[in-house]
Amino acid sequence: VGLSLHSLMDGVAIAAALATHSNLGPLVVLGI
């Protein structure tokens, strides 16, 4: 349960980073 909530936040982070007008998205995806 705890790690699933963590994973949910990771997924939100990926979508938010990819929505920025920069190259942040792929860098965040690589970290995750």
Full PDB file with SEQRES, HELIX, SHEET, SSBOND, CRYST1, ORIGX, SCALE, CONECT and MASTER records, all heavy atoms in Angstrom:
SEQRES   1 A   32  VAL GLY LEU SER LEU HIS SER LEU MET ASP GLY VAL ALA          
SEQRES   2 A   32  ILE ALA ALA ALA LEU ALA THR HIS SER ASN LEU GLY PRO          
SEQRES   3 A   32  LEU VAL VAL LEU GLY ILE                                      
HELIX    1 AA1 GLY A    2  ALA A   19  1                                  18    
HELIX    2 AA2 LEU A   24  GLY A   31  1                                   8    
CRYST1    1.000    1.000    1.000  90.00  90.00  90.00 P 1           1          
ORIGX1      1.000000  0.000000  0.000000        0.00000                         
ORIGX2      0.000000  1.000000  0.000000        0.00000                         
ORIGX3      0.000000  0.000000  1.000000        0.00000                         
SCALE1      1.000000  0.000000  0.000000        0.00000                         
SCALE2      0.000000  1.000000  0.000000        0.00000                         
SCALE3      0.000000  0.000000  1.000000        0.00000                         
ATOM      1  N   VAL A   1       0.836  -1.203   0.000  1.00  0.00           N  
ATOM      2  CA  VAL A   1       0.000   0.000   0.000  1.00  0.00           C  
ATOM      3  C   VAL A   1       0.868   1.250   0.000  1.00  0.00           C  
ATOM      4  O   VAL A   1       0.661   2.182  -0.788  1.00  0.00           O  
ATOM      5  CB  VAL A   1      -0.951   0.003   1.214  1.00  0.00           C  
ATOM      6  CG1 VAL A   1      -1.662   1.355   1.335  1.00  0.00           C  
ATOM      7  CG2 VAL A   1      -1.978  -1.117   1.092  1.00  0.00           C  
ATOM      8  N   GLY A   2       1.879   1.273   0.884  1.00  0.00           N  
ATOM      9  CA  GLY A   2       2.749   2.442   0.964  1.00  0.00           C  
ATOM     10  C   GLY A   2       3.507   2.696  -0.321  1.00  0.00           C  
ATOM     11  O   GLY A   2       3.567   3.827  -0.814  1.00  0.00           O  
ATOM     12  N   LEU A   3       4.080   1.646  -0.901  1.00  0.00           N  
ATOM     13  CA  LEU A   3       4.842   1.806  -2.134  1.00  0.00           C  
ATOM     14  C   LEU A   3       3.930   2.092  -3.330  1.00  0.00           C  
ATOM     15  O   LEU A   3       4.349   2.733  -4.293  1.00  0.00           O  
ATOM     16  CB  LEU A   3       5.690   0.565  -2.401  1.00  0.00           C  
ATOM     17  CG  LEU A   3       6.943   0.448  -1.523  1.00  0.00           C  
ATOM     18  CD1 LEU A   3       7.652  -0.877  -1.776  1.00  0.00           C  
ATOM     19  CD2 LEU A   3       7.897   1.604  -1.782  1.00  0.00           C  
ATOM     20  N   SER A   4       2.682   1.627  -3.282  1.00  0.00           N  
ATOM     21  CA  SER A   4       1.739   1.945  -4.363  1.00  0.00           C  
ATOM     22  C   SER A   4       1.422   3.437  -4.380  1.00  0.00           C  
ATOM     23  O   SER A   4       1.321   4.053  -5.455  1.00  0.00           O  
ATOM     24  CB  SER A   4       0.446   1.134  -4.195  1.00  0.00           C  
ATOM     25  OG  SER A   4       0.676  -0.238  -4.393  1.00  0.00           O  
ATOM     26  N   LEU A   5       1.248   4.027  -3.196  1.00  0.00           N  
ATOM     27  CA  LEU A   5       1.032   5.481  -3.132  1.00  0.00           C  
ATOM     28  C   LEU A   5       2.249   6.231  -3.657  1.00  0.00           C  
ATOM     29  O   LEU A   5       2.117   7.229  -4.375  1.00  0.00           O  
ATOM     30  CB  LEU A   5       0.735   5.891  -1.687  1.00  0.00           C  
ATOM     31  CG  LEU A   5      -0.593   5.399  -1.109  1.00  0.00           C  
ATOM     32  CD1 LEU A   5      -0.683   5.741   0.372  1.00  0.00           C  
ATOM     33  CD2 LEU A   5      -1.775   6.002  -1.869  1.00  0.00           C  
ATOM     34  N   HIS A   6       3.424   5.728  -3.315  1.00  0.00           N  
ATOM     35  CA  HIS A   6       4.664   6.304  -3.819  1.00  0.00           C  
ATOM     36  C   HIS A   6       4.701   6.208  -5.348  1.00  0.00           C  
ATOM     37  O   HIS A   6       5.055   7.169  -6.048  1.00  0.00           O  
ATOM     38  CB  HIS A   6       5.836   5.554  -3.187  1.00  0.00           C  
ATOM     39  CG  HIS A   6       7.177   6.077  -3.558  1.00  0.00           C  
ATOM     40  ND1 HIS A   6       8.340   5.557  -3.048  1.00  0.00           N  
ATOM     41  CD2 HIS A   6       7.558   7.053  -4.409  1.00  0.00           C  
ATOM     42  CE1 HIS A   6       9.369   6.200  -3.549  1.00  0.00           C  
ATOM     43  NE2 HIS A   6       8.923   7.107  -4.383  1.00  0.00           N  
ATOM     44  N   SER A   7       4.339   5.056  -5.895  1.00  0.00           N  
ATOM     45  CA  SER A   7       4.331   4.858  -7.345  1.00  0.00           C  
ATOM     46  C   SER A   7       3.318   5.774  -8.025  1.00  0.00           C  
ATOM     47  O   SER A   7       3.557   6.290  -9.119  1.00  0.00           O  
ATOM     48  CB  SER A   7       4.000   3.396  -7.675  1.00  0.00           C  
ATOM     49  OG  SER A   7       5.004   2.536  -7.187  1.00  0.00           O  
ATOM     50  N   LEU A   8       2.171   5.957  -7.381  1.00  0.00           N  
ATOM     51  CA  LEU A   8       1.150   6.866  -7.913  1.00  0.00           C  
ATOM     52  C   LEU A   8       1.730   8.270  -8.061  1.00  0.00           C  
ATOM     53  O   LEU A   8       1.530   8.938  -9.087  1.00  0.00           O  
ATOM     54  CB  LEU A   8      -0.061   6.874  -6.979  1.00  0.00           C  
ATOM     55  CG  LEU A   8      -1.325   7.566  -7.489  1.00  0.00           C  
ATOM     56  CD1 LEU A   8      -2.006   6.701  -8.543  1.00  0.00           C  
ATOM     57  CD2 LEU A   8      -2.282   7.823  -6.335  1.00  0.00           C  
ATOM     58  N   MET A   9       2.480   8.717  -7.049  1.00  0.00           N  
ATOM     59  CA  MET A   9       3.100  10.034  -7.104  1.00  0.00           C  
ATOM     60  C   MET A   9       4.156  10.106  -8.208  1.00  0.00           C  
ATOM     61  O   MET A   9       4.310  11.126  -8.876  1.00  0.00           O  
ATOM     62  CB  MET A   9       3.724  10.367  -5.752  1.00  0.00           C  
ATOM     63  CG  MET A   9       2.710  10.603  -4.646  1.00  0.00           C  
ATOM     64  SD  MET A   9       3.506  10.884  -3.042  1.00  0.00           S  
ATOM     65  CE  MET A   9       4.412  12.398  -3.376  1.00  0.00           C  
ATOM     66  N   ASP A  10       4.892   9.004  -8.401  1.00  0.00           N  
ATOM     67  CA  ASP A  10       5.865   8.970  -9.500  1.00  0.00           C  
ATOM     68  C   ASP A  10       5.178   9.184 -10.842  1.00  0.00           C  
ATOM     69  O   ASP A  10       5.684   9.910 -11.708  1.00  0.00           O  
ATOM     70  CB  ASP A  10       6.593   7.623  -9.506  1.00  0.00           C  
ATOM     71  CG  ASP A  10       7.746   7.564  -8.523  1.00  0.00           C  
ATOM     72  OD1 ASP A  10       8.152   8.627  -8.008  1.00  0.00           O  
ATOM     73  OD2 ASP A  10       8.240   6.458  -8.262  1.00  0.00           O  
ATOM     74  N   GLY A  11       4.039   8.525 -11.033  1.00  0.00           N  
ATOM     75  CA  GLY A  11       3.306   8.680 -12.285  1.00  0.00           C  
ATOM     76  C   GLY A  11       2.825  10.098 -12.503  1.00  0.00           C  
ATOM     77  O   GLY A  11       2.922  10.649 -13.618  1.00  0.00           O  
ATOM     78  N   VAL A  12       2.316  10.729 -11.446  1.00  0.00           N  
ATOM     79  CA  VAL A  12       1.898  12.130 -11.524  1.00  0.00           C  
ATOM     80  C   VAL A  12       3.085  13.017 -11.889  1.00  0.00           C  
ATOM     81  O   VAL A  12       2.973  13.939 -12.715  1.00  0.00           O  
ATOM     82  CB  VAL A  12       1.273  12.572 -10.185  1.00  0.00           C  
ATOM     83  CG1 VAL A  12       1.032  14.082 -10.178  1.00  0.00           C  
ATOM     84  CG2 VAL A  12      -0.045  11.829  -9.940  1.00  0.00           C  
ATOM     85  N   ALA A  13       4.250  12.718 -11.289  1.00  0.00           N  
ATOM     86  CA  ALA A  13       5.454  13.507 -11.551  1.00  0.00           C  
ATOM     87  C   ALA A  13       5.869  13.418 -13.015  1.00  0.00           C  
ATOM     88  O   ALA A  13       6.274  14.423 -13.627  1.00  0.00           O  
ATOM     89  CB  ALA A  13       6.589  13.028 -10.652  1.00  0.00           C  
ATOM     90  N   ILE A  14       5.783  12.229 -13.592  1.00  0.00           N  
ATOM     91  CA  ILE A  14       6.149  12.056 -15.002  1.00  0.00           C  
ATOM     92  C   ILE A  14       5.275  12.929 -15.895  1.00  0.00           C  
ATOM     93  O   ILE A  14       5.771  13.667 -16.757  1.00  0.00           O  
ATOM     94  CB  ILE A  14       6.026  10.577 -15.414  1.00  0.00           C  
ATOM     95  CG1 ILE A  14       7.120   9.744 -14.744  1.00  0.00           C  
ATOM     96  CG2 ILE A  14       6.112  10.431 -16.934  1.00  0.00           C  
ATOM     97  CD1 ILE A  14       6.949   8.245 -14.948  1.00  0.00           C  
ATOM     98  N   ALA A  15       3.965  12.869 -15.685  1.00  0.00           N  
ATOM     99  CA  ALA A  15       3.048  13.632 -16.528  1.00  0.00           C  
ATOM    100  C   ALA A  15       3.255  15.136 -16.360  1.00  0.00           C  
ATOM    101  O   ALA A  15       3.231  15.896 -17.334  1.00  0.00           O  
ATOM    102  CB  ALA A  15       1.604  13.254 -16.193  1.00  0.00           C  
ATOM    103  N   ALA A  16       3.484  15.585 -15.120  1.00  0.00           N  
ATOM    104  CA  ALA A  16       3.682  17.015 -14.880  1.00  0.00           C  
ATOM    105  C   ALA A  16       4.974  17.503 -15.517  1.00  0.00           C  
ATOM    106  O   ALA A  16       5.015  18.581 -16.123  1.00  0.00           O  
ATOM    107  CB  ALA A  16       3.695  17.292 -13.375  1.00  0.00           C  
ATOM    108  N   ALA A  17       6.052  16.728 -15.386  1.00  0.00           N  
ATOM    109  CA  ALA A  17       7.335  17.136 -15.962  1.00  0.00           C  
ATOM    110  C   ALA A  17       7.275  17.189 -17.482  1.00  0.00           C  
ATOM    111  O   ALA A  17       7.858  18.075 -18.113  1.00  0.00           O  
ATOM    112  CB  ALA A  17       8.434  16.177 -15.507  1.00  0.00           C  
ATOM    113  N   LEU A  18       6.564  16.247 -18.082  1.00  0.00           N  
ATOM    114  CA  LEU A  18       6.431  16.243 -19.539  1.00  0.00           C  
ATOM    115  C   LEU A  18       5.569  17.394 -20.043  1.00  0.00           C  
ATOM    116  O   LEU A  18       5.652  17.778 -21.212  1.00  0.00           O  
ATOM    117  CB  LEU A  18       5.842  14.908 -20.006  1.00  0.00           C  
ATOM    118  CG  LEU A  18       6.764  13.693 -19.895  1.00  0.00           C  
ATOM    119  CD1 LEU A  18       5.996  12.407 -20.168  1.00  0.00           C  
ATOM    120  CD2 LEU A  18       7.933  13.811 -20.864  1.00  0.00           C  
ATOM    121  N   ALA A  19       4.748  17.966 -19.145  1.00  0.00           N  
ATOM    122  CA  ALA A  19       3.880  19.075 -19.544  1.00  0.00           C  
ATOM    123  C   ALA A  19       4.583  20.423 -19.506  1.00  0.00           C  
ATOM    124  O   ALA A  19       4.046  21.407 -19.999  1.00  0.00           O  
ATOM    125  CB  ALA A  19       2.647  19.120 -18.637  1.00  0.00           C  
ATOM    126  N   THR A  20       5.786  20.471 -18.904  1.00  0.00           N  
ATOM    127  CA  THR A  20       6.507  21.749 -18.842  1.00  0.00           C  
ATOM    128  C   THR A  20       7.078  22.102 -20.207  1.00  0.00           C  
ATOM    129  O   THR A  20       7.339  21.229 -21.029  1.00  0.00           O  
ATOM    130  CB  THR A  20       7.655  21.680 -17.821  1.00  0.00           C  
ATOM    131  OG1 THR A  20       8.601  20.683 -18.239  1.00  0.00           O  
ATOM    132  CG2 THR A  20       7.135  21.348 -16.435  1.00  0.00           C  
ATOM    133  N   HIS A  21       7.283  23.410 -20.428  1.00  0.00           N  
ATOM    134  CA  HIS A  21       7.840  23.876 -21.702  1.00  0.00           C  
ATOM    135  C   HIS A  21       9.367  23.896 -21.611  1.00  0.00           C  
ATOM    136  O   HIS A  21      10.015  24.930 -21.763  1.00  0.00           O  
ATOM    137  CB  HIS A  21       7.279  25.255 -22.039  1.00  0.00           C  
ATOM    138  CG  HIS A  21       5.795  25.274 -22.166  1.00  0.00           C  
ATOM    139  ND1 HIS A  21       5.127  24.642 -23.190  1.00  0.00           N  
ATOM    140  CD2 HIS A  21       4.833  25.823 -21.378  1.00  0.00           C  
ATOM    141  CE1 HIS A  21       3.828  24.821 -23.054  1.00  0.00           C  
ATOM    142  NE2 HIS A  21       3.618  25.516 -21.963  1.00  0.00           N  
ATOM    143  N   SER A  22       9.940  22.739 -21.324  1.00  0.00           N  
ATOM    144  CA  SER A  22      11.399  22.606 -21.205  1.00  0.00           C  
ATOM    145  C   SER A  22      11.743  21.156 -21.492  1.00  0.00           C  
ATOM    146  O   SER A  22      10.888  20.362 -21.869  1.00  0.00           O  
ATOM    147  CB  SER A  22      11.863  23.006 -19.801  1.00  0.00           C  
ATOM    148  OG  SER A  22      11.429  22.058 -18.841  1.00  0.00           O  
ATOM    149  N   ASN A  23      13.002  20.821 -21.273  1.00  0.00           N  
ATOM    150  CA  ASN A  23      13.434  19.436 -21.451  1.00  0.00           C  
ATOM    151  C   ASN A  23      13.427  18.649 -20.140  1.00  0.00           C  
ATOM    152  O   ASN A  23      14.123  17.645 -20.021  1.00  0.00           O  
ATOM    153  CB  ASN A  23      14.854  19.409 -22.039  1.00  0.00           C  
ATOM    154  CG  ASN A  23      14.856  19.711 -23.525  1.00  0.00           C  
ATOM    155  OD1 ASN A  23      13.946  19.315 -24.249  1.00  0.00           O  
ATOM    156  ND2 ASN A  23      15.870  20.432 -23.977  1.00  0.00           N  
ATOM    157  N   LEU A  24      12.640  19.103 -19.175  1.00  0.00           N  
ATOM    158  CA  LEU A  24      12.647  18.455 -17.860  1.00  0.00           C  
ATOM    159  C   LEU A  24      12.064  17.053 -17.909  1.00  0.00           C  
ATOM    160  O   LEU A  24      12.523  16.163 -17.184  1.00  0.00           O  
ATOM    161  CB  LEU A  24      11.868  19.312 -16.857  1.00  0.00           C  
ATOM    162  CG  LEU A  24      11.838  18.810 -15.417  1.00  0.00           C  
ATOM    163  CD1 LEU A  24      13.237  18.774 -14.825  1.00  0.00           C  
ATOM    164  CD2 LEU A  24      10.920  19.696 -14.565  1.00  0.00           C  
ATOM    165  N   GLY A  25      11.051  16.831 -18.749  1.00  0.00           N  
ATOM    166  CA  GLY A  25      10.338  15.553 -18.756  1.00  0.00           C  
ATOM    167  C   GLY A  25      11.231  14.336 -18.891  1.00  0.00           C  
ATOM    168  O   GLY A  25      11.203  13.444 -18.034  1.00  0.00           O  
ATOM    169  N   PRO A  26      12.057  14.229 -19.941  1.00  0.00           N  
ATOM    170  CA  PRO A  26      12.908  13.050 -20.087  1.00  0.00           C  
ATOM    171  C   PRO A  26      13.891  12.868 -18.936  1.00  0.00           C  
ATOM    172  O   PRO A  26      14.202  11.741 -18.552  1.00  0.00           O  
ATOM    173  CB  PRO A  26      13.650  13.318 -21.400  1.00  0.00           C  
ATOM    174  CG  PRO A  26      12.766  14.244 -22.157  1.00  0.00           C  
ATOM    175  CD  PRO A  26      12.126  15.109 -21.125  1.00  0.00           C  
ATOM    176  N   LEU A  27      14.376  13.973 -18.338  1.00  0.00           N  
ATOM    177  CA  LEU A  27      15.305  13.862 -17.216  1.00  0.00           C  
ATOM    178  C   LEU A  27      14.608  13.269 -15.992  1.00  0.00           C  
ATOM    179  O   LEU A  27      15.178  12.450 -15.273  1.00  0.00           O  
ATOM    180  CB  LEU A  27      15.881  15.238 -16.874  1.00  0.00           C  
ATOM    181  CG  LEU A  27      16.792  15.862 -17.933  1.00  0.00           C  
ATOM    182  CD1 LEU A  27      17.178  17.281 -17.535  1.00  0.00           C  
ATOM    183  CD2 LEU A  27      18.035  15.020 -18.159  1.00  0.00           C  
ATOM    184  N   VAL A  28      13.371  13.687 -15.742  1.00  0.00           N  
ATOM    185  CA  VAL A  28      12.604  13.135 -14.617  1.00  0.00           C  
ATOM    186  C   VAL A  28      12.285  11.663 -14.869  1.00  0.00           C  
ATOM    187  O   VAL A  28      12.393  10.830 -13.964  1.00  0.00           O  
ATOM    188  CB  VAL A  28      11.310  13.944 -14.396  1.00  0.00           C  
ATOM    189  CG1 VAL A  28      10.382  13.235 -13.404  1.00  0.00           C  
ATOM    190  CG2 VAL A  28      11.648  15.338 -13.884  1.00  0.00           C  
ATOM    191  N   VAL A  29      11.907  11.343 -16.098  1.00  0.00           N  
ATOM    192  CA  VAL A  29      11.612   9.947 -16.432  1.00  0.00           C  
ATOM    193  C   VAL A  29      12.831   9.069 -16.188  1.00  0.00           C  
ATOM    194  O   VAL A  29      12.719   7.971 -15.626  1.00  0.00           O  
ATOM    195  CB  VAL A  29      11.144   9.821 -17.899  1.00  0.00           C  
ATOM    196  CG1 VAL A  29      11.098   8.346 -18.319  1.00  0.00           C  
ATOM    197  CG2 VAL A  29       9.766  10.450 -18.062  1.00  0.00           C  
ATOM    198  N   LEU A  30      14.003   9.538 -16.573  1.00  0.00           N  
ATOM    199  CA  LEU A  30      15.224   8.754 -16.366  1.00  0.00           C  
ATOM    200  C   LEU A  30      15.490   8.533 -14.879  1.00  0.00           C  
ATOM    201  O   LEU A  30      15.870   7.427 -14.460  1.00  0.00           O  
ATOM    202  CB  LEU A  30      16.410   9.460 -17.022  1.00  0.00           C  
ATOM    203  CG  LEU A  30      17.744   8.709 -17.004  1.00  0.00           C  
ATOM    204  CD1 LEU A  30      17.612   7.350 -17.680  1.00  0.00           C  
ATOM    205  CD2 LEU A  30      18.827   9.536 -17.692  1.00  0.00           C  
ATOM    206  N   GLY A  31      15.286   9.571 -14.059  1.00  0.00           N  
ATOM    207  CA  GLY A  31      15.469   9.424 -12.619  1.00  0.00           C  
ATOM    208  C   GLY A  31      14.505   8.418 -12.024  1.00  0.00           C  
ATOM    209  O   GLY A  31      14.886   7.584 -11.189  1.00  0.00           O  
ATOM    210  N   ILE A  32      13.243   8.486 -12.437  1.00  0.00           N  
ATOM    211  CA  ILE A  32      12.249   7.541 -11.939  1.00  0.00           C  
ATOM    212  C   ILE A  32      12.564   6.129 -12.425  1.00  0.00           C  
ATOM    213  O   ILE A  32      12.421   5.151 -11.691  1.00  0.00           O  
ATOM    214  CB  ILE A  32      10.833   7.994 -12.368  1.00  0.00           C  
ATOM    215  CG1 ILE A  32      10.445   9.260 -11.586  1.00  0.00           C  
ATOM    216  CG2 ILE A  32       9.802   6.893 -12.145  1.00  0.00           C  
ATOM    217  CD1 ILE A  32       9.135   9.882 -11.998  1.00  0.00           C  
TER     218      ILE A  32                                                      
MASTER        0    0    0    2    0    0    0    6  217    1    0    3          
END                                                                             
